[in-house]
Protein backbone atom coordinates (compact mmCIF):
# COMPACT_ATOMS: atom_id res chain seq x y z
CA MET A 1 103.37 -10.15 210.96
CA THR A 2 100.95 -8.81 208.33
CA LEU A 3 101.11 -4.88 208.21
CA LYS A 4 97.86 -3.26 208.50
CA VAL A 5 97.53 -0.35 205.90
CA GLY A 6 95.33 2.71 206.00
CA VAL A 7 94.74 4.69 202.95
CA ILE A 8 94.02 8.49 202.93
CA GLY A 9 92.52 9.95 199.79
CA VAL A 10 90.68 7.06 198.11
CA GLY A 11 89.13 8.83 195.22
CA GLY A 12 91.99 8.86 192.63
CA ILE A 13 95.41 7.44 192.43
CA ALA A 14 94.60 5.13 195.45
CA ARG A 15 92.85 2.97 193.07
CA THR A 16 96.21 1.97 191.47
CA HIS A 17 97.79 1.12 194.68
CA MET A 18 95.01 -1.39 195.90
CA PRO A 19 96.29 -4.21 193.59
CA GLY A 20 99.66 -3.85 195.03
CA TRP A 21 98.44 -4.10 198.67
CA ALA A 22 96.36 -7.06 197.63
CA ALA A 23 99.35 -8.87 196.26
CA SER A 24 101.75 -8.15 198.96
CA GLU A 25 102.59 -11.10 201.24
CA HIS A 26 103.34 -8.62 204.03
CA ALA A 27 100.41 -6.16 203.99
CA GLU A 28 96.61 -5.84 204.02
CA VAL A 29 94.42 -2.73 203.79
CA VAL A 30 92.14 -2.40 206.77
CA ALA A 31 91.05 1.06 206.72
CA GLY A 32 90.45 4.23 204.36
CA SER A 33 89.64 7.95 204.88
CA ASP A 34 88.51 10.68 202.65
CA ILE A 35 86.73 13.94 202.91
CA SER A 36 84.05 12.57 200.57
CA GLU A 37 81.66 10.10 202.23
CA ALA A 38 80.40 9.05 198.94
CA ALA A 39 83.74 8.15 197.53
CA LEU A 40 84.81 6.65 200.76
CA ARG A 41 81.82 4.35 200.84
CA ALA A 42 82.17 3.29 197.20
CA TRP A 43 85.93 2.59 197.82
CA GLY A 44 84.95 0.42 200.72
CA GLU A 45 82.41 -1.45 199.03
CA ASP A 46 84.85 -2.15 195.99
CA ASN A 47 87.72 -3.30 198.14
CA GLY A 48 86.01 -5.00 200.88
CA VAL A 49 87.16 -2.51 203.57
CA ALA A 50 84.83 -1.85 206.45
CA ARG A 51 86.78 0.64 208.52
CA LEU A 52 85.91 4.05 206.92
CA GLU A 53 86.64 7.41 208.50
CA THR A 54 86.40 10.99 207.19
CA ASP A 55 88.83 12.13 209.65
CA PRO A 56 92.26 10.76 209.14
CA ALA A 57 93.26 11.27 212.79
CA ALA A 58 91.23 8.21 213.58
CA LEU A 59 93.69 6.17 211.48
CA PHE A 60 96.84 7.82 213.21
CA SER A 61 95.31 6.97 216.60
CA ASP A 62 94.71 3.47 215.94
CA PRO A 63 97.64 1.27 217.33
CA ASP A 64 96.65 -1.64 214.91
CA ILE A 65 97.61 0.43 211.85
CA ASP A 66 101.20 0.14 210.95
CA VAL A 67 101.44 1.90 207.52
CA ILE A 68 99.74 5.11 206.14
CA ASP A 69 99.43 5.24 202.30
CA VAL A 70 99.00 9.18 201.51
CA CYS A 71 96.98 9.61 198.24
CA THR A 72 95.74 13.07 198.60
CA PRO A 73 96.28 16.31 196.58
CA ASN A 74 99.86 17.52 196.89
CA ARG A 75 99.35 20.38 199.38
CA TYR A 76 98.00 17.70 201.91
CA HIS A 77 101.03 15.41 201.78
CA ALA A 78 103.29 16.95 204.23
CA PRO A 79 100.97 17.68 207.17
CA LEU A 80 99.40 14.02 206.74
CA SER A 81 102.57 12.22 206.46
CA ILE A 82 104.10 14.20 209.35
CA ALA A 83 101.20 13.41 211.62
CA ALA A 84 101.41 9.79 210.73
CA LEU A 85 105.11 9.55 211.31
CA GLU A 86 104.64 11.28 214.72
CA ALA A 87 102.11 8.68 215.52
CA GLY A 88 104.59 5.97 214.86
CA LYS A 89 103.29 4.94 211.36
CA HIS A 90 105.57 3.96 208.34
CA VAL A 91 104.49 6.34 205.34
CA ILE A 92 104.38 5.86 201.56
CA CYS A 93 103.31 9.04 200.04
CA GLU A 94 102.32 9.77 196.38
CA LYS A 95 104.46 12.16 194.27
CA PRO A 96 105.50 14.94 194.68
CA LEU A 97 106.49 14.02 198.25
CA ALA A 98 105.59 17.61 199.02
CA PRO A 99 105.37 20.76 196.79
CA THR A 100 108.16 22.59 198.48
CA PRO A 101 111.78 21.67 199.68
CA ALA A 102 110.86 23.10 203.17
CA GLU A 103 108.23 20.65 203.63
CA ILE A 104 110.32 17.76 202.60
CA ARG A 105 112.79 18.73 205.17
CA ASP A 106 110.14 18.82 207.76
CA MET A 107 109.03 15.20 206.79
CA ILE A 108 112.57 13.97 206.93
CA ALA A 109 112.92 15.36 210.42
CA ALA A 110 109.62 13.68 211.30
CA ARG A 111 110.79 10.51 209.88
CA ASP A 112 114.19 10.64 211.88
CA ALA A 113 112.50 11.39 214.92
CA SER A 114 110.04 8.37 214.63
CA GLY A 115 112.40 5.80 213.27
CA LYS A 116 109.93 4.75 210.72
CA LEU A 117 110.26 4.45 206.96
CA LEU A 118 109.14 7.22 204.53
CA MET A 119 109.01 6.44 200.68
CA THR A 120 107.85 8.53 197.80
CA ALA A 121 105.64 6.65 195.21
CA GLN A 122 107.78 7.27 192.24
CA HIS A 123 106.15 4.32 190.08
CA PHE A 124 108.18 4.69 186.99
CA ARG A 125 111.39 3.50 188.94
CA PHE A 126 109.55 0.10 189.25
CA THR A 127 108.91 -0.46 185.41
CA GLY A 128 110.92 -3.32 183.95
CA THR A 129 112.48 -0.84 181.37
CA ALA A 130 113.79 1.46 184.09
CA ARG A 131 115.13 -1.27 186.27
CA ALA A 132 116.89 -2.94 183.19
CA LEU A 133 118.57 0.38 182.18
CA LYS A 134 119.66 1.30 185.85
CA ALA A 135 121.29 -2.19 186.17
CA GLU A 136 123.39 -1.76 183.22
CA ILE A 137 124.25 1.98 184.40
CA ASP A 138 125.24 0.69 187.81
CA ARG A 139 127.56 -1.79 186.13
CA GLY A 140 129.36 1.11 184.53
CA ALA A 141 128.11 0.56 180.78
CA LEU A 142 127.85 4.50 180.44
CA GLY A 143 130.87 5.44 182.45
CA ASP A 144 130.52 8.85 184.08
CA ILE A 145 127.26 10.47 183.08
CA TYR A 146 128.06 14.16 182.06
CA HIS A 147 124.76 15.24 180.28
CA ALA A 148 121.06 14.14 180.34
CA ARG A 149 117.92 15.23 178.56
CA GLY A 150 114.34 14.48 179.83
CA TRP A 151 110.99 15.28 178.72
CA MET A 152 107.30 14.45 179.45
CA LEU A 153 105.02 16.17 176.96
CA ARG A 154 101.28 15.89 176.56
CA ARG A 155 98.91 17.06 173.87
CA ALA A 156 95.65 18.40 175.63
CA GLY A 157 96.55 16.02 178.26
CA LEU A 158 95.85 17.80 181.50
CA ILE A 159 93.61 16.55 184.44
CA PRO A 160 91.11 19.55 184.91
CA GLY A 161 90.25 18.71 188.54
CA PRO A 162 91.00 21.19 191.26
CA GLY A 163 93.57 18.89 192.87
CA PHE A 164 95.60 19.56 189.70
CA VAL A 165 94.89 22.97 188.24
CA LEU A 166 94.20 25.08 191.54
CA LYS A 167 97.56 25.90 193.15
CA GLN A 168 95.81 25.98 196.56
CA HIS A 169 95.50 22.16 196.35
CA SER A 170 98.28 21.28 193.90
CA GLY A 171 101.11 23.67 194.74
CA GLY A 172 101.93 23.84 190.91
CA GLY A 173 101.09 22.60 187.62
CA ALA A 174 102.88 20.61 185.09
CA THR A 175 106.19 21.24 186.64
CA ILE A 176 105.36 19.06 189.88
CA ASP A 177 102.64 17.06 188.38
CA ILE A 178 104.66 15.35 185.52
CA GLY A 179 108.01 17.15 185.86
CA VAL A 180 108.48 15.24 189.00
CA HIS A 181 108.35 11.83 187.01
CA ILE A 182 110.80 12.32 184.47
CA LEU A 183 113.02 14.43 186.77
CA ASP A 184 113.09 11.69 189.51
CA LEU A 185 113.83 8.98 187.05
CA THR A 186 116.69 10.91 185.36
CA LEU A 187 118.41 11.95 188.52
CA TRP A 188 118.13 8.32 189.83
CA MET A 189 119.87 7.08 186.64
CA MET A 190 122.58 9.83 186.93
CA GLY A 191 123.32 8.53 190.57
CA ASN A 192 121.63 11.53 192.18
CA PRO A 193 124.31 14.34 191.89
CA GLN A 194 123.87 17.28 193.99
CA PRO A 195 122.11 20.15 191.86
CA LEU A 196 123.97 23.49 192.10
CA ALA A 197 121.96 25.79 189.90
CA VAL A 198 118.85 26.03 187.43
CA ASN A 199 117.85 28.24 184.76
CA GLY A 200 114.09 27.71 184.27
CA VAL A 201 110.79 28.90 182.75
CA ALA A 202 107.23 27.85 184.12
CA ARG A 203 104.31 29.54 182.26
CA SER A 204 101.04 29.10 180.56
CA GLU A 205 100.23 29.77 176.89
CA LEU A 206 97.41 27.75 175.69
CA ALA A 207 95.13 27.08 178.80
CA GLY A 208 93.55 30.42 178.48
CA ILE A 209 92.56 30.05 174.74
CA PRO A 210 88.74 29.87 174.14
CA GLY A 211 87.77 26.24 173.59
CA ALA A 212 91.02 24.73 175.04
CA PHE A 213 90.08 21.45 176.46
CA SER A 214 91.56 18.11 177.87
CA ALA A 215 91.54 15.35 175.42
CA TRP A 216 92.05 12.96 178.36
CA THR A 217 88.57 13.88 179.89
CA GLY A 218 86.75 15.47 177.16
CA THR A 219 86.19 18.69 179.15
CA ALA A 220 87.16 22.21 178.98
CA VAL A 221 90.24 23.75 180.65
CA PRO A 222 88.64 25.39 183.79
CA PRO A 223 88.90 29.19 183.46
CA GLU A 224 90.06 29.41 187.30
CA MET A 225 93.14 27.33 186.51
CA ASP A 226 96.04 29.31 188.09
CA VAL A 227 98.98 27.05 187.47
CA GLU A 228 101.50 26.62 184.80
CA GLU A 229 101.15 24.25 181.77
CA LEU A 230 104.76 24.23 180.69
CA ALA A 231 108.22 24.19 182.18
CA LEU A 232 111.81 24.08 180.82
CA ALA A 233 115.02 24.15 182.59
CA LEU A 234 118.87 23.86 182.33
CA VAL A 235 120.22 22.26 185.72
CA ARG A 236 123.87 22.19 186.61
CA PHE A 237 125.41 19.79 189.01
CA ASP A 238 128.43 19.67 191.60
CA ASN A 239 130.07 17.08 189.56
CA GLY A 240 130.02 19.20 186.29
CA ALA A 241 127.11 17.28 184.74
CA THR A 242 124.06 19.09 183.14
CA LEU A 243 120.60 18.25 182.44
CA VAL A 244 117.94 19.68 180.09
CA LEU A 245 114.34 19.23 181.06
CA GLU A 246 111.09 19.91 179.40
CA VAL A 247 107.47 19.06 180.57
CA SER A 248 103.90 20.40 179.32
CA TRP A 249 100.39 19.27 179.68
CA LEU A 250 99.06 21.05 176.45
CA LEU A 251 101.88 21.41 173.86
CA HIS A 252 101.12 21.18 170.23
CA HIS A 253 103.13 17.93 170.10
CA ASP A 254 102.80 14.97 167.74
CA VAL A 255 101.79 12.33 170.47
CA THR A 256 98.79 10.48 171.54
CA GLY A 257 98.72 10.41 175.21
CA GLU A 258 102.10 11.46 176.50
CA ASP A 259 105.65 11.45 175.16
CA MET A 260 108.12 10.43 178.07
CA GLN A 261 111.71 10.00 177.03
CA MET A 262 115.20 10.27 178.63
CA TRP A 263 118.79 10.42 176.94
CA LEU A 264 121.77 9.86 179.10
CA TYR A 265 125.23 10.57 177.71
CA GLY A 266 128.45 9.27 179.49
CA THR A 267 132.13 8.80 179.00
CA ARG A 268 131.67 5.13 177.83
CA GLY A 269 128.40 5.24 176.11
CA GLY A 270 124.93 6.90 175.79
CA SER A 271 121.35 5.46 176.30
CA HIS A 272 117.75 5.99 175.70
CA TRP A 273 114.69 5.31 177.91
CA PRO A 274 112.11 3.78 177.35
CA LYS A 275 113.63 2.08 174.33
CA CYS A 276 116.30 0.46 176.73
CA GLU A 277 119.19 0.92 174.21
CA ILE A 278 122.88 1.65 174.75
CA TYR A 279 125.08 3.37 172.35
CA SER A 280 128.82 3.49 172.17
CA THR A 281 131.72 3.82 169.60
CA ASN A 282 135.07 2.02 169.45
CA TYR A 283 137.41 4.80 168.36
CA GLU A 284 140.11 2.32 167.44
CA THR A 285 138.09 0.31 164.96
CA GLN A 286 135.80 3.38 164.08
CA GLN A 287 132.74 1.21 164.85
CA HIS A 288 129.38 2.22 166.31
CA TYR A 289 127.34 -0.10 168.52
CA ASN A 290 123.70 0.01 169.37
CA VAL A 291 122.88 -2.56 171.98
CA ALA A 292 119.04 -3.24 172.84
CA LEU A 293 118.66 -4.57 176.26
CA ARG A 294 116.71 -7.90 176.87
CA ARG A 295 114.13 -7.48 179.52
CA THR A 296 111.53 -9.56 181.19
CA GLN A 297 107.80 -8.44 181.32
CA ASP A 298 106.74 -6.55 184.19
CA SER A 299 105.61 -8.70 187.09
CA MET A 300 102.92 -6.36 187.91
CA GLU A 301 101.72 -2.60 187.11
CA PRO A 302 104.44 -0.30 188.71
CA HIS A 303 101.84 1.57 190.86
CA ALA A 304 101.01 -1.77 192.40
CA LEU A 305 104.66 -2.96 192.69
CA GLU A 306 105.87 0.06 194.38
CA CYS A 307 103.56 -0.76 197.32
CA VAL A 308 104.61 -4.53 197.32
CA GLU A 309 108.34 -3.24 197.56
CA PHE A 310 107.48 -0.65 200.16
CA ALA A 311 105.78 -3.50 202.38
CA ARG A 312 108.72 -5.74 201.96
CA ALA A 313 111.18 -2.94 202.97
CA VAL A 314 109.07 -2.44 206.14
CA ALA A 315 108.82 -6.13 206.97
CA GLU A 316 112.42 -7.00 206.28
CA GLY A 317 113.83 -3.76 207.68
CA ALA A 318 115.42 -2.62 204.65
CA PRO A 319 115.91 1.03 203.50
CA SER A 320 113.13 2.96 201.83
CA PRO A 321 113.02 2.00 198.04
CA VAL A 322 112.65 5.76 197.13
CA PRO A 323 114.52 7.68 199.90
CA ALA A 324 113.07 11.19 200.76
CA GLU A 325 116.49 12.71 200.40
CA GLN A 326 116.23 11.92 196.71
CA SER A 327 112.75 13.42 196.52
CA LEU A 328 114.26 16.45 198.19
CA GLN A 329 116.89 16.94 195.29
CA VAL A 330 113.80 16.56 192.88
CA LEU A 331 111.66 19.22 194.57
CA THR A 332 114.75 21.78 195.19
CA ILE A 333 115.19 21.73 191.20
CA LEU A 334 111.51 22.12 190.52
CA ASP A 335 111.21 24.80 193.14
CA GLY A 336 114.22 26.44 191.59
CA ILE A 337 112.58 26.44 188.06
CA TYR A 338 109.72 28.64 189.73
CA ARG A 339 112.23 30.84 191.53
CA SER A 340 114.08 31.31 188.18
CA GLN A 341 110.93 32.09 186.38
CA GLN A 342 110.06 34.78 188.88
CA SER A 343 113.75 36.35 188.76
CA GLY A 344 114.24 35.82 185.13
CA ARG A 345 117.75 34.34 185.68
CA GLU A 346 119.58 31.38 186.84
CA VAL A 347 119.26 30.72 190.66
CA ARG A 348 121.44 28.74 192.95
CA LEU A 349 119.96 25.98 194.78
CA ASP A 350 119.97 25.31 198.48
CA SER A 351 122.05 22.09 199.48
């Protein structure tokens, strides 16, 4: 059976999903929905999709549609995903799964009640470098990971559209836009330990400076921007591990594009991503070892591969490739950063 897919929100990130749906042996896109009729028509023409609806409810009520791909701004992820699950559809939803932990808990409840699959589209997990390093970690190359550092930093690299810079649509700024990427990847590598507490900062320093601009779009930072551009955090976990996190859209940083790195430190070795290197020391011989992992080239772009893997999981009755419970951990920490900023102190996290 070929799974029939409906895409909601076709004007942005959905474009990167379409090659994956086209490559999947298990799925095909048969419908799309967007509040912009012009964007919807253009997407339909580009992708050969004739079923176009401005009301997503039309996709939910269609018994022939098996999968809903949610690609809207963050604030609309939870209500759309819950409605789709309640209608008996499997759901893949763009990151963040939702802007708050409470919404993710509601999504998990809807998933459990429906018996359908729910996946967060965390595409960095599907890169060849991440998979190669994860395989070595799972084989015990690092031992017990007790500390990690992760950052995702940009220089004048924000997307100035309302879906990113207005809290009413996004739910937050750099913290949940790009912080969600490096945090999800780092937690996954660490084995998703339970977070206990976070001491964090979330603020803006550069966005309001006259002339501030986005090098990515060549346009000015909109004056109505009301979300943070910078987030920092120290996270403590129930197994004693710690994590330092840094993210920014606008930092004065020596980078073209973005600088995304992760360091992991364990009892047997350390590692760096995306270099895909493992570091260890033999204390008996006093020798240091740096090992570069050999990895194959990515089979396809990771935004596309995540859709292929989701369709395979649905078709084969396999678990979600990115479980919602792991996304709940991510958003619990990111929400904790906001709460820590407001209180000016470390906050305990809900389990």
